[in-house]
Structure formats: C-alpha cells, structure tokens
Amino acid sequence: VALKVLVMQILFTGVEALSISTVLAIGIGAIINIIGVS
C-alpha cells in the first residue's frame, strides 16, 4: 500500500535532484582537474 509513497519519494529525492548534482559534479571535478594540471 506504500509503494506509491516510495516511488514518489525516489522521484523527488533522486530524479529531481539530478540537475543540481550535474552542475556540482562537473564544476568540482573541473576545478580539481584544472588545479592538478596547473
């Protein structure tokens, strides 16, 4: 009976946070790479 609650929680917590995770991951990884290369 709680399966819908589980699915909605994954949608909100995981799927809807992909955009901000992408920006942070690429930005931080790029900063570390640039500092390392330099």
Full PDB file with SEQRES, HELIX, SHEET, SSBOND, CRYST1, ORIGX, SCALE, CONECT and MASTER records, all heavy atoms in Angstrom:
SEQRES   1 A   38  VAL ALA LEU LYS VAL LEU VAL MET GLN ILE LEU PHE THR          
SEQRES   2 A   38  GLY VAL GLU ALA LEU SER ILE SER THR VAL LEU ALA ILE          
SEQRES   3 A   38  GLY ILE GLY ALA ILE ILE ASN ILE ILE GLY VAL SER              
HELIX    1 AA1 LEU A    3  THR A   13  1                                  11    
HELIX    2 AA2 VAL A   15  ALA A   17  5                                   3    
HELIX    3 AA3 LEU A   18  VAL A   37  1                                  20    
CRYST1    1.000    1.000    1.000  90.00  90.00  90.00 P 1           1          
ORIGX1      1.000000  0.000000  0.000000        0.00000                         
ORIGX2      0.000000  1.000000  0.000000        0.00000                         
ORIGX3      0.000000  0.000000  1.000000        0.00000                         
SCALE1      1.000000  0.000000  0.000000        0.00000                         
SCALE2      0.000000  1.000000  0.000000        0.00000                         
SCALE3      0.000000  0.000000  1.000000        0.00000                         
ATOM      1  N   VAL A   1       0.839  -1.203   0.000  1.00  0.00           N  
ATOM      2  CA  VAL A   1       0.000   0.000   0.000  1.00  0.00           C  
ATOM      3  C   VAL A   1       0.875   1.255   0.000  1.00  0.00           C  
ATOM      4  O   VAL A   1       0.413   2.342  -0.346  1.00  0.00           O  
ATOM      5  CB  VAL A   1      -0.927   0.011   1.235  1.00  0.00           C  
ATOM      6  CG1 VAL A   1      -1.927  -1.108   1.143  1.00  0.00           C  
ATOM      7  CG2 VAL A   1      -0.119  -0.085   2.529  1.00  0.00           C  
ATOM      8  N   ALA A   2       2.153   1.107   0.401  1.00  0.00           N  
ATOM      9  CA  ALA A   2       3.043   2.262   0.490  1.00  0.00           C  
ATOM     10  C   ALA A   2       3.990   2.355  -0.699  1.00  0.00           C  
ATOM     11  O   ALA A   2       4.897   3.189  -0.687  1.00  0.00           O  
ATOM     12  CB  ALA A   2       3.855   2.195   1.792  1.00  0.00           C  
ATOM     13  N   LEU A   3       3.792   1.522  -1.712  1.00  0.00           N  
ATOM     14  CA  LEU A   3       4.695   1.518  -2.853  1.00  0.00           C  
ATOM     15  C   LEU A   3       4.672   2.850  -3.593  1.00  0.00           C  
ATOM     16  O   LEU A   3       5.704   3.342  -4.049  1.00  0.00           O  
ATOM     17  CB  LEU A   3       4.329   0.380  -3.807  1.00  0.00           C  
ATOM     18  CG  LEU A   3       5.272   0.169  -4.992  1.00  0.00           C  
ATOM     19  CD1 LEU A   3       6.682  -0.139  -4.499  1.00  0.00           C  
ATOM     20  CD2 LEU A   3       4.761  -0.959  -5.884  1.00  0.00           C  
ATOM     21  N   LYS A   4       3.488   3.447  -3.704  1.00  0.00           N  
ATOM     22  CA  LYS A   4       3.381   4.739  -4.374  1.00  0.00           C  
ATOM     23  C   LYS A   4       4.158   5.809  -3.621  1.00  0.00           C  
ATOM     24  O   LYS A   4       4.795   6.667  -4.240  1.00  0.00           O  
ATOM     25  CB  LYS A   4       1.907   5.155  -4.490  1.00  0.00           C  
ATOM     26  CG  LYS A   4       1.706   6.466  -5.217  1.00  0.00           C  
ATOM     27  CD  LYS A   4       0.231   6.821  -5.339  1.00  0.00           C  
ATOM     28  CE  LYS A   4       0.058   8.149  -6.056  1.00  0.00           C  
ATOM     29  NZ  LYS A   4      -1.383   8.515  -6.177  1.00  0.00           N  
ATOM     30  N   VAL A   5       4.128   5.763  -2.291  1.00  0.00           N  
ATOM     31  CA  VAL A   5       4.894   6.712  -1.486  1.00  0.00           C  
ATOM     32  C   VAL A   5       6.386   6.546  -1.752  1.00  0.00           C  
ATOM     33  O   VAL A   5       7.126   7.522  -1.881  1.00  0.00           O  
ATOM     34  CB  VAL A   5       4.590   6.526   0.015  1.00  0.00           C  
ATOM     35  CG1 VAL A   5       5.364   7.542   0.849  1.00  0.00           C  
ATOM     36  CG2 VAL A   5       3.101   6.642   0.278  1.00  0.00           C  
ATOM     37  N   LEU A   6       6.843   5.299  -1.854  1.00  0.00           N  
ATOM     38  CA  LEU A   6       8.251   5.019  -2.140  1.00  0.00           C  
ATOM     39  C   LEU A   6       8.660   5.569  -3.500  1.00  0.00           C  
ATOM     40  O   LEU A   6       9.703   6.218  -3.638  1.00  0.00           O  
ATOM     41  CB  LEU A   6       8.496   3.506  -2.088  1.00  0.00           C  
ATOM     42  CG  LEU A   6       9.877   3.014  -2.539  1.00  0.00           C  
ATOM     43  CD1 LEU A   6      10.978   3.588  -1.661  1.00  0.00           C  
ATOM     44  CD2 LEU A   6       9.920   1.488  -2.527  1.00  0.00           C  
ATOM     45  N   VAL A   7       7.833   5.324  -4.509  1.00  0.00           N  
ATOM     46  CA  VAL A   7       8.138   5.803  -5.862  1.00  0.00           C  
ATOM     47  C   VAL A   7       8.192   7.326  -5.904  1.00  0.00           C  
ATOM     48  O   VAL A   7       9.100   7.919  -6.504  1.00  0.00           O  
ATOM     49  CB  VAL A   7       7.097   5.262  -6.865  1.00  0.00           C  
ATOM     50  CG1 VAL A   7       7.301   5.893  -8.239  1.00  0.00           C  
ATOM     51  CG2 VAL A   7       7.189   3.744  -6.963  1.00  0.00           C  
ATOM     52  N   MET A   8       7.230   7.990  -5.271  1.00  0.00           N  
ATOM     53  CA  MET A   8       7.207   9.447  -5.259  1.00  0.00           C  
ATOM     54  C   MET A   8       8.401  10.024  -4.502  1.00  0.00           C  
ATOM     55  O   MET A   8       8.945  11.066  -4.880  1.00  0.00           O  
ATOM     56  CB  MET A   8       5.898   9.941  -4.632  1.00  0.00           C  
ATOM     57  CG  MET A   8       4.655   9.603  -5.443  1.00  0.00           C  
ATOM     58  SD  MET A   8       4.701  10.262  -7.127  1.00  0.00           S  
ATOM     59  CE  MET A   8       4.702  12.026  -6.793  1.00  0.00           C  
ATOM     60  N   GLN A   9       8.838   9.323  -3.451  1.00  0.00           N  
ATOM     61  CA  GLN A   9       9.992   9.797  -2.702  1.00  0.00           C  
ATOM     62  C   GLN A   9      11.268   9.687  -3.535  1.00  0.00           C  
ATOM     63  O   GLN A   9      12.109  10.599  -3.521  1.00  0.00           O  
ATOM     64  CB  GLN A   9      10.153   8.982  -1.413  1.00  0.00           C  
ATOM     65  CG  GLN A   9      11.213   9.529  -0.465  1.00  0.00           C  
ATOM     66  CD  GLN A   9      10.863  10.909   0.045  1.00  0.00           C  
ATOM     67  OE1 GLN A   9       9.814  11.133   0.627  1.00  0.00           O  
ATOM     68  NE2 GLN A   9      11.758  11.861  -0.195  1.00  0.00           N  
ATOM     69  N   ILE A  10      11.419   8.596  -4.264  1.00  0.00           N  
ATOM     70  CA  ILE A  10      12.575   8.444  -5.146  1.00  0.00           C  
ATOM     71  C   ILE A  10      12.543   9.504  -6.243  1.00  0.00           C  
ATOM     72  O   ILE A  10      13.577  10.084  -6.609  1.00  0.00           O  
ATOM     73  CB  ILE A  10      12.611   7.026  -5.750  1.00  0.00           C  
ATOM     74  CG1 ILE A  10      12.873   5.991  -4.658  1.00  0.00           C  
ATOM     75  CG2 ILE A  10      13.664   6.926  -6.843  1.00  0.00           C  
ATOM     76  CD1 ILE A  10      12.828   4.559  -5.136  1.00  0.00           C  
ATOM     77  N   LEU A  11      11.359   9.772  -6.780  1.00  0.00           N  
ATOM     78  CA  LEU A  11      11.217  10.792  -7.828  1.00  0.00           C  
ATOM     79  C   LEU A  11      11.649  12.154  -7.310  1.00  0.00           C  
ATOM     80  O   LEU A  11      12.414  12.869  -7.975  1.00  0.00           O  
ATOM     81  CB  LEU A  11       9.764  10.843  -8.306  1.00  0.00           C  
ATOM     82  CG  LEU A  11       9.432  11.928  -9.333  1.00  0.00           C  
ATOM     83  CD1 LEU A  11      10.190  11.701 -10.623  1.00  0.00           C  
ATOM     84  CD2 LEU A  11       7.932  11.987  -9.598  1.00  0.00           C  
ATOM     85  N   PHE A  12      11.177  12.520  -6.120  1.00  0.00           N  
ATOM     86  CA  PHE A  12      11.503  13.843  -5.571  1.00  0.00           C  
ATOM     87  C   PHE A  12      12.962  13.934  -5.125  1.00  0.00           C  
ATOM     88  O   PHE A  12      13.661  14.894  -5.440  1.00  0.00           O  
ATOM     89  CB  PHE A  12      10.585  14.158  -4.387  1.00  0.00           C  
ATOM     90  CG  PHE A  12      10.916  15.444  -3.693  1.00  0.00           C  
ATOM     91  CD1 PHE A  12      10.604  16.670  -4.273  1.00  0.00           C  
ATOM     92  CD2 PHE A  12      11.561  15.441  -2.463  1.00  0.00           C  
ATOM     93  CE1 PHE A  12      10.922  17.859  -3.642  1.00  0.00           C  
ATOM     94  CE2 PHE A  12      11.885  16.630  -1.816  1.00  0.00           C  
ATOM     95  CZ  PHE A  12      11.564  17.836  -2.406  1.00  0.00           C  
ATOM     96  N   THR A  13      13.424  12.920  -4.394  1.00  0.00           N  
ATOM     97  CA  THR A  13      14.768  12.979  -3.830  1.00  0.00           C  
ATOM     98  C   THR A  13      15.847  12.716  -4.867  1.00  0.00           C  
ATOM     99  O   THR A  13      16.882  13.394  -4.874  1.00  0.00           O  
ATOM    100  CB  THR A  13      14.910  11.957  -2.685  1.00  0.00           C  
ATOM    101  OG1 THR A  13      13.919  12.220  -1.697  1.00  0.00           O  
ATOM    102  CG2 THR A  13      16.284  12.043  -2.045  1.00  0.00           C  
ATOM    103  N   GLY A  14      15.619  11.744  -5.731  1.00  0.00           N  
ATOM    104  CA  GLY A  14      16.649  11.360  -6.685  1.00  0.00           C  
ATOM    105  C   GLY A  14      16.550  12.038  -8.031  1.00  0.00           C  
ATOM    106  O   GLY A  14      17.457  12.767  -8.444  1.00  0.00           O  
ATOM    107  N   VAL A  15      15.437  11.831  -8.728  1.00  0.00           N  
ATOM    108  CA  VAL A  15      15.316  12.303 -10.107  1.00  0.00           C  
ATOM    109  C   VAL A  15      15.342  13.825 -10.189  1.00  0.00           C  
ATOM    110  O   VAL A  15      16.056  14.411 -11.016  1.00  0.00           O  
ATOM    111  CB  VAL A  15      14.024  11.751 -10.750  1.00  0.00           C  
ATOM    112  CG1 VAL A  15      13.859  12.295 -12.171  1.00  0.00           C  
ATOM    113  CG2 VAL A  15      14.049  10.231 -10.757  1.00  0.00           C  
ATOM    114  N   GLU A  16      14.604  14.489  -9.317  1.00  0.00           N  
ATOM    115  CA  GLU A  16      14.517  15.942  -9.389  1.00  0.00           C  
ATOM    116  C   GLU A  16      15.789  16.637  -8.900  1.00  0.00           C  
ATOM    117  O   GLU A  16      15.924  17.851  -9.061  1.00  0.00           O  
ATOM    118  CB  GLU A  16      13.309  16.426  -8.593  1.00  0.00           C  
ATOM    119  CG  GLU A  16      11.980  15.984  -9.183  1.00  0.00           C  
ATOM    120  CD  GLU A  16      10.787  16.548  -8.441  1.00  0.00           C  
ATOM    121  OE1 GLU A  16      10.990  17.390  -7.548  1.00  0.00           O  
ATOM    122  OE2 GLU A  16       9.653  16.141  -8.751  1.00  0.00           O  
ATOM    123  N   ALA A  17      16.714  15.896  -8.313  1.00  0.00           N  
ATOM    124  CA  ALA A  17      17.979  16.485  -7.855  1.00  0.00           C  
ATOM    125  C   ALA A  17      19.116  16.252  -8.850  1.00  0.00           C  
ATOM    126  O   ALA A  17      20.256  16.630  -8.573  1.00  0.00           O  
ATOM    127  CB  ALA A  17      18.358  15.911  -6.496  1.00  0.00           C  
ATOM    128  N   LEU A  18      18.820  15.636  -9.994  1.00  0.00           N  
ATOM    129  CA  LEU A  18      19.874  15.333 -10.958  1.00  0.00           C  
ATOM    130  C   LEU A  18      20.523  16.586 -11.536  1.00  0.00           C  
ATOM    131  O   LEU A  18      21.738  16.619 -11.769  1.00  0.00           O  
ATOM    132  CB  LEU A  18      19.304  14.476 -12.099  1.00  0.00           C  
ATOM    133  CG  LEU A  18      18.921  13.041 -11.739  1.00  0.00           C  
ATOM    134  CD1 LEU A  18      18.332  12.334 -12.954  1.00  0.00           C  
ATOM    135  CD2 LEU A  18      20.119  12.276 -11.209  1.00  0.00           C  
ATOM    136  N   SER A  19      19.723  17.617 -11.764  1.00  0.00           N  
ATOM    137  CA  SER A  19      20.268  18.825 -12.391  1.00  0.00           C  
ATOM    138  C   SER A  19      21.312  19.503 -11.511  1.00  0.00           C  
ATOM    139  O   SER A  19      22.415  19.828 -11.966  1.00  0.00           O  
ATOM    140  CB  SER A  19      19.139  19.803 -12.724  1.00  0.00           C  
ATOM    141  OG  SER A  19      18.405  20.129 -11.542  1.00  0.00           O  
ATOM    142  N   ILE A  20      20.990  19.709 -10.243  1.00  0.00           N  
ATOM    143  CA  ILE A  20      21.945  20.357  -9.350  1.00  0.00           C  
ATOM    144  C   ILE A  20      23.154  19.462  -9.096  1.00  0.00           C  
ATOM    145  O   ILE A  20      24.285  19.947  -8.968  1.00  0.00           O  
ATOM    146  CB  ILE A  20      21.263  20.756  -8.016  1.00  0.00           C  
ATOM    147  CG1 ILE A  20      22.226  21.577  -7.152  1.00  0.00           C  
ATOM    148  CG2 ILE A  20      20.778  19.533  -7.261  1.00  0.00           C  
ATOM    149  CD1 ILE A  20      21.570  22.152  -5.917  1.00  0.00           C  
ATOM    150  N   SER A  21      22.958  18.145  -9.073  1.00  0.00           N  
ATOM    151  CA  SER A  21      24.087  17.229  -8.911  1.00  0.00           C  
ATOM    152  C   SER A  21      25.016  17.295 -10.116  1.00  0.00           C  
ATOM    153  O   SER A  21      26.243  17.228  -9.967  1.00  0.00           O  
ATOM    154  CB  SER A  21      23.575  15.793  -8.721  1.00  0.00           C  
ATOM    155  OG  SER A  21      22.839  15.662  -7.531  1.00  0.00           O  
ATOM    156  N   THR A  22      24.440  17.428 -11.308  1.00  0.00           N  
ATOM    157  CA  THR A  22      25.257  17.525 -12.518  1.00  0.00           C  
ATOM    158  C   THR A  22      26.145  18.762 -12.487  1.00  0.00           C  
ATOM    159  O   THR A  22      27.352  18.688 -12.764  1.00  0.00           O  
ATOM    160  CB  THR A  22      24.349  17.574 -13.761  1.00  0.00           C  
ATOM    161  OG1 THR A  22      23.515  16.413 -13.790  1.00  0.00           O  
ATOM    162  CG2 THR A  22      25.173  17.648 -15.030  1.00  0.00           C  
ATOM    163  N   VAL A  23      25.564  19.894 -12.148  1.00  0.00           N  
ATOM    164  CA  VAL A  23      26.327  21.149 -12.104  1.00  0.00           C  
ATOM    165  C   VAL A  23      27.450  21.072 -11.080  1.00  0.00           C  
ATOM    166  O   VAL A  23      28.603  21.436 -11.364  1.00  0.00           O  
ATOM    167  CB  VAL A  23      25.385  22.335 -11.794  1.00  0.00           C  
ATOM    168  CG1 VAL A  23      26.195  23.612 -11.600  1.00  0.00           C  
ATOM    169  CG2 VAL A  23      24.354  22.515 -12.905  1.00  0.00           C  
ATOM    170  N   LEU A  24      27.130  20.582  -9.882  1.00  0.00           N  
ATOM    171  CA  LEU A  24      28.147  20.480  -8.832  1.00  0.00           C  
ATOM    172  C   LEU A  24      29.249  19.500  -9.209  1.00  0.00           C  
ATOM    173  O   LEU A  24      30.439  19.779  -9.004  1.00  0.00           O  
ATOM    174  CB  LEU A  24      27.494  20.056  -7.515  1.00  0.00           C  
ATOM    175  CG  LEU A  24      26.685  21.118  -6.770  1.00  0.00           C  
ATOM    176  CD1 LEU A  24      26.045  20.500  -5.525  1.00  0.00           C  
ATOM    177  CD2 LEU A  24      27.555  22.286  -6.369  1.00  0.00           C  
ATOM    178  N   ALA A  25      28.875  18.355  -9.743  1.00  0.00           N  
ATOM    179  CA  ALA A  25      29.860  17.328 -10.079  1.00  0.00           C  
ATOM    180  C   ALA A  25      30.822  17.816 -11.165  1.00  0.00           C  
ATOM    181  O   ALA A  25      32.046  17.691 -11.029  1.00  0.00           O  
ATOM    182  CB  ALA A  25      29.154  16.055 -10.529  1.00  0.00           C  
ATOM    183  N   ILE A  26      30.276  18.376 -12.241  1.00  0.00           N  
ATOM    184  CA  ILE A  26      31.127  18.855 -13.328  1.00  0.00           C  
ATOM    185  C   ILE A  26      31.995  20.016 -12.858  1.00  0.00           C  
ATOM    186  O   ILE A  26      33.191  20.081 -13.156  1.00  0.00           O  
ATOM    187  CB  ILE A  26      30.266  19.268 -14.536  1.00  0.00           C  
ATOM    188  CG1 ILE A  26      29.587  18.035 -15.137  1.00  0.00           C  
ATOM    189  CG2 ILE A  26      31.110  19.970 -15.588  1.00  0.00           C  
ATOM    190  CD1 ILE A  26      28.665  18.352 -16.295  1.00  0.00           C  
ATOM    191  N   GLY A  27      31.403  20.931 -12.098  1.00  0.00           N  
ATOM    192  CA  GLY A  27      32.163  22.092 -11.628  1.00  0.00           C  
ATOM    193  C   GLY A  27      33.297  21.706 -10.700  1.00  0.00           C  
ATOM    194  O   GLY A  27      34.449  22.147 -10.881  1.00  0.00           O  
ATOM    195  N   ILE A  28      33.022  20.868  -9.711  1.00  0.00           N  
ATOM    196  CA  ILE A  28      34.059  20.476  -8.751  1.00  0.00           C  
ATOM    197  C   ILE A  28      35.117  19.613  -9.421  1.00  0.00           C  
ATOM    198  O   ILE A  28      36.320  19.788  -9.195  1.00  0.00           O  
ATOM    199  CB  ILE A  28      33.422  19.743  -7.556  1.00  0.00           C  
ATOM    200  CG1 ILE A  28      32.586  20.725  -6.739  1.00  0.00           C  
ATOM    201  CG2 ILE A  28      34.481  19.093  -6.678  1.00  0.00           C  
ATOM    202  CD1 ILE A  28      31.796  20.098  -5.626  1.00  0.00           C  
ATOM    203  N   GLY A  29      34.682  18.662 -10.258  1.00  0.00           N  
ATOM    204  CA  GLY A  29      35.656  17.838 -10.978  1.00  0.00           C  
ATOM    205  C   GLY A  29      36.550  18.671 -11.876  1.00  0.00           C  
ATOM    206  O   GLY A  29      37.772  18.434 -11.948  1.00  0.00           O  
ATOM    207  N   ALA A  30      35.977  19.650 -12.550  1.00  0.00           N  
ATOM    208  CA  ALA A  30      36.774  20.512 -13.428  1.00  0.00           C  
ATOM    209  C   ALA A  30      37.777  21.344 -12.634  1.00  0.00           C  
ATOM    210  O   ALA A  30      38.931  21.509 -13.050  1.00  0.00           O  
ATOM    211  CB  ALA A  30      35.846  21.424 -14.230  1.00  0.00           C  
ATOM    212  N   ILE A  31      37.359  21.860 -11.489  1.00  0.00           N  
ATOM    213  CA  ILE A  31      38.263  22.657 -10.657  1.00  0.00           C  
ATOM    214  C   ILE A  31      39.453  21.828 -10.197  1.00  0.00           C  
ATOM    215  O   ILE A  31      40.614  22.264 -10.258  1.00  0.00           O  
ATOM    216  CB  ILE A  31      37.505  23.232  -9.448  1.00  0.00           C  
ATOM    217  CG1 ILE A  31      36.510  24.299  -9.899  1.00  0.00           C  
ATOM    218  CG2 ILE A  31      38.482  23.831  -8.423  1.00  0.00           C  
ATOM    219  CD1 ILE A  31      35.568  24.767  -8.812  1.00  0.00           C  
ATOM    220  N   ILE A  32      39.169  20.594  -9.730  1.00  0.00           N  
ATOM    221  CA  ILE A  32      40.263  19.722  -9.282  1.00  0.00           C  
ATOM    222  C   ILE A  32      41.195  19.389 -10.443  1.00  0.00           C  
ATOM    223  O   ILE A  32      42.432  19.403 -10.292  1.00  0.00           O  
ATOM    224  CB  ILE A  32      39.681  18.429  -8.670  1.00  0.00           C  
ATOM    225  CG1 ILE A  32      38.839  18.761  -7.431  1.00  0.00           C  
ATOM    226  CG2 ILE A  32      40.807  17.467  -8.301  1.00  0.00           C  
ATOM    227  CD1 ILE A  32      38.076  17.566  -6.880  1.00  0.00           C  
ATOM    228  N   ASN A  33      40.620  19.115 -11.611  1.00  0.00           N  
ATOM    229  CA  ASN A  33      41.444  18.807 -12.789  1.00  0.00           C  
ATOM    230  C   ASN A  33      42.325  19.978 -13.195  1.00  0.00           C  
ATOM    231  O   ASN A  33      43.515  19.805 -13.483  1.00  0.00           O  
ATOM    232  CB  ASN A  33      40.545  18.408 -13.964  1.00  0.00           C  
ATOM    233  CG  ASN A  33      40.122  16.948 -13.895  1.00  0.00           C  
ATOM    234  OD1 ASN A  33      40.877  16.104 -13.440  1.00  0.00           O  
ATOM    235  ND2 ASN A  33      38.913  16.662 -14.339  1.00  0.00           N  
ATOM    236  N   ILE A  34      41.735  21.159 -13.234  1.00  0.00           N  
ATOM    237  CA  ILE A  34      42.482  22.339 -13.671  1.00  0.00           C  
ATOM    238  C   ILE A  34      43.614  22.648 -12.693  1.00  0.00           C  
ATOM    239  O   ILE A  34      44.751  22.955 -13.092  1.00  0.00           O  
ATOM    240  CB  ILE A  34      41.527  23.545 -13.812  1.00  0.00           C  
ATOM    241  CG1 ILE A  34      40.564  23.309 -14.978  1.00  0.00           C  
ATOM    242  CG2 ILE A  34      42.323  24.831 -14.033  1.00  0.00           C  
ATOM    243  CD1 ILE A  34      39.454  24.325 -15.083  1.00  0.00           C  
ATOM    244  N   ILE A  35      43.334  22.571 -11.406  1.00  0.00           N  
ATOM    245  CA  ILE A  35      44.388  22.803 -10.409  1.00  0.00           C  
ATOM    246  C   ILE A  35      45.480  21.743 -10.533  1.00  0.00           C  
ATOM    247  O   ILE A  35      46.681  22.043 -10.468  1.00  0.00           O  
ATOM    248  CB  ILE A  35      43.796  22.794  -8.982  1.00  0.00           C  
ATOM    249  CG1 ILE A  35      42.860  23.992  -8.797  1.00  0.00           C  
ATOM    250  CG2 ILE A  35      44.904  22.823  -7.931  1.00  0.00           C  
ATOM    251  CD1 ILE A  35      42.141  24.007  -7.461  1.00  0.00           C  
ATOM    252  N   GLY A  36      45.083  20.486 -10.726  1.00  0.00           N  
ATOM    253  CA  GLY A  36      46.070  19.413 -10.857  1.00  0.00           C  
ATOM    254  C   GLY A  36      46.942  19.577 -12.076  1.00  0.00           C  
ATOM    255  O   GLY A  36      48.169  19.412 -12.008  1.00  0.00           O  
ATOM    256  N   VAL A  37      46.333  19.912 -13.211  1.00  0.00           N  
ATOM    257  CA  VAL A  37      47.091  20.108 -14.447  1.00  0.00           C  
ATOM    258  C   VAL A  37      48.032  21.297 -14.336  1.00  0.00           C  
ATOM    259  O   VAL A  37      49.141  21.294 -14.888  1.00  0.00           O  
ATOM    260  CB  VAL A  37      46.117  20.286 -15.634  1.00  0.00           C  
ATOM    261  CG1 VAL A  37      46.854  20.759 -16.870  1.00  0.00           C  
ATOM    262  CG2 VAL A  37      45.405  18.979 -15.925  1.00  0.00           C  
ATOM    263  N   SER A  38      47.633  22.310 -13.596  1.00  0.00           N  
ATOM    264  CA  SER A  38      48.433  23.529 -13.483  1.00  0.00           C  
ATOM    265  C   SER A  38      49.563  23.413 -12.468  1.00  0.00           C  
ATOM    266  O   SER A  38      50.645  23.974 -12.674  1.00  0.00           O  
ATOM    267  CB  SER A  38      47.527  24.713 -13.106  1.00  0.00           C  
ATOM    268  OG  SER A  38      46.479  24.864 -14.033  1.00  0.00           O  
TER     269      SER A  38                                                      
MASTER        0    0    0    3    0    0    0    6  268    1    0    3          
END                                                                             
